[in-house]
Amino acid sequence: MSDAATFIHPEVPPSGTGCVECEEQGSWWLHLRRCADCGHIGCCDDSLNKHATAHWKATGHRVIQSFEPGEDWFWDFATEEMFDGPELAPPTEHRASQGVPGPRDRVPGDWQRQLAAQAR
């Protein structure tokens, strides 16, 4: 984990239950990631908008944790390493009722095509 621990603040709650920027834009996401430093919830790099990575680049907050139900892994953008870390303040995952991708009411019918087109 090296110095990644200095970027983890377990007492900080998450910013919400969805990607902050996607919520503001009325967009949707595939998977969610939580900044272990400030609690910002952003969408993963497989999502259209990649807000978790954008947050790291804008703030230098380099450690995230999955915000998906049943996942508790951490990722350090700087070292590109996955590791185990401490329990973060609840909630530690989004509501399962949001769906994946989510939120259900904003996911377009052609979401898989959109993600595949982006990956090219």
Protein backbone atom coordinates (compact mmCIF):
# COMPACT_ATOMS: atom_id res chain seq x y z
CA MET A 1 0.00 0.00 0.00
CA SER A 2 3.09 2.25 0.34
CA ASP A 3 2.09 5.86 1.01
CA ALA A 4 -1.48 5.34 -0.27
CA ALA A 5 -2.68 5.31 3.35
CA THR A 6 -2.08 9.05 3.54
CA PHE A 7 -4.85 9.45 0.95
CA ILE A 8 -7.43 7.46 2.92
CA HIS A 9 -9.73 9.20 5.40
CA PRO A 10 -12.10 6.50 6.72
CA GLU A 11 -14.26 8.96 8.69
CA VAL A 12 -15.35 10.93 5.57
CA PRO A 13 -18.80 9.87 4.31
CA PRO A 14 -19.53 9.45 0.60
CA SER A 15 -20.85 12.45 -1.35
CA GLY A 16 -24.06 10.59 -2.19
CA THR A 17 -25.23 7.37 -3.80
CA GLY A 18 -24.48 8.25 -7.43
CA CYS A 19 -21.81 9.91 -9.54
CA VAL A 20 -21.78 13.59 -8.57
CA GLU A 21 -21.20 14.93 -12.09
CA CYS A 22 -23.52 12.44 -13.84
CA GLU A 23 -26.28 13.42 -11.41
CA GLU A 24 -25.71 17.11 -12.24
CA GLN A 25 -25.71 16.36 -15.99
CA GLY A 26 -28.64 13.93 -15.93
CA SER A 27 -26.33 11.23 -17.27
CA TRP A 28 -25.85 7.56 -16.29
CA TRP A 29 -22.93 5.31 -15.28
CA LEU A 30 -21.80 1.72 -15.42
CA HIS A 31 -20.00 1.34 -12.06
CA LEU A 32 -19.26 3.73 -9.20
CA ARG A 33 -16.03 4.55 -7.37
CA ARG A 34 -15.55 6.43 -4.09
CA CYS A 35 -12.64 8.77 -3.40
CA ALA A 36 -11.03 7.51 -0.18
CA ASP A 37 -9.74 11.02 0.54
CA CYS A 38 -12.86 13.22 0.27
CA GLY A 39 -15.77 10.82 -0.36
CA HIS A 40 -16.52 12.02 -3.92
CA ILE A 41 -18.51 9.44 -5.86
CA GLY A 42 -17.55 9.22 -9.52
CA CYS A 43 -18.19 6.83 -12.38
CA CYS A 44 -15.59 4.28 -13.47
CA ASP A 45 -13.46 4.30 -16.61
CA ASP A 46 -15.84 1.86 -18.31
CA SER A 47 -18.57 4.52 -17.98
CA LEU A 48 -19.04 7.15 -20.68
CA ASN A 49 -17.80 10.05 -18.57
CA LYS A 50 -14.96 8.60 -16.43
CA HIS A 51 -15.59 11.04 -13.59
CA ALA A 52 -13.61 9.11 -10.93
CA THR A 53 -10.43 9.45 -12.98
CA ALA A 54 -11.23 13.09 -13.77
CA HIS A 55 -11.59 13.72 -10.02
CA TRP A 56 -8.15 12.22 -9.37
CA LYS A 57 -6.57 14.32 -12.12
CA ALA A 58 -8.24 17.52 -10.87
CA THR A 59 -7.57 17.02 -7.15
CA GLY A 60 -4.64 14.64 -6.76
CA HIS A 61 -6.84 12.38 -4.61
CA ARG A 62 -5.32 9.20 -5.94
CA VAL A 63 -7.03 6.38 -3.95
CA ILE A 64 -10.52 5.09 -4.70
CA GLN A 65 -12.64 2.25 -3.42
CA SER A 66 -15.31 0.43 -5.35
CA PHE A 67 -18.78 1.69 -4.44
CA GLU A 68 -20.46 -1.42 -5.87
CA PRO A 69 -22.42 -3.84 -3.67
CA GLY A 70 -20.22 -6.69 -2.46
CA GLU A 71 -16.91 -5.06 -3.52
CA ASP A 72 -14.45 -3.51 -1.07
CA TRP A 73 -11.20 -3.24 -3.05
CA PHE A 74 -9.09 -0.08 -3.21
CA TRP A 75 -7.16 1.25 -6.24
CA ASP A 76 -4.22 3.65 -6.26
CA PHE A 77 -4.17 5.62 -9.52
CA ALA A 78 -0.54 6.71 -8.96
CA THR A 79 0.88 3.19 -8.58
CA GLU A 80 -1.84 1.38 -10.57
CA GLU A 81 -2.15 -1.14 -7.75
CA MET A 82 -5.15 -2.73 -6.12
CA PHE A 83 -5.00 -3.31 -2.36
CA ASP A 84 -7.05 -3.98 0.77
CA GLY A 85 -7.74 -1.04 3.04
CA PRO A 86 -9.74 0.03 6.07
CA GLU A 87 -13.50 0.14 6.42
CA LEU A 88 -14.82 3.51 5.22
CA ALA A 89 -17.72 5.48 6.71
CA PRO A 90 -21.12 4.17 5.61
CA PRO A 91 -22.70 3.72 3.25
CA THR A 92 -19.97 1.69 1.58
CA GLU A 93 -21.97 0.88 -1.55
CA HIS A 94 -24.83 2.26 -3.62
CA ARG A 95 -28.33 0.89 -3.22
CA ALA A 96 -28.81 -2.30 -5.24
CA SER A 97 -32.13 -0.86 -6.44
CA GLN A 98 -30.19 1.78 -8.46
CA GLY A 99 -29.21 -0.96 -10.87
CA VAL A 100 -26.07 -1.51 -12.91
CA PRO A 101 -25.82 0.41 -15.06
CA GLY A 102 -27.70 3.11 -13.27
CA PRO A 103 -29.68 4.85 -12.30
CA ARG A 104 -32.29 2.64 -13.95
CA ASP A 105 -34.54 5.50 -15.07
CA ARG A 106 -31.74 7.20 -17.06
CA VAL A 107 -30.03 4.24 -18.73
CA PRO A 108 -30.66 4.35 -22.49
CA GLY A 109 -31.86 1.25 -24.30
CA ASP A 110 -28.68 1.20 -26.39
CA TRP A 111 -26.27 1.59 -23.45
CA GLN A 112 -24.12 -1.37 -24.51
CA ARG A 113 -23.68 0.08 -28.00
CA GLN A 114 -22.72 3.45 -26.55
CA LEU A 115 -20.06 1.92 -24.30
CA ALA A 116 -18.70 -0.24 -27.15
CA ALA A 117 -18.48 2.81 -29.44
CA GLN A 118 -16.57 4.71 -26.76
CA ALA A 119 -14.12 1.84 -26.27
CA ARG A 120 -13.00 1.98 -29.93
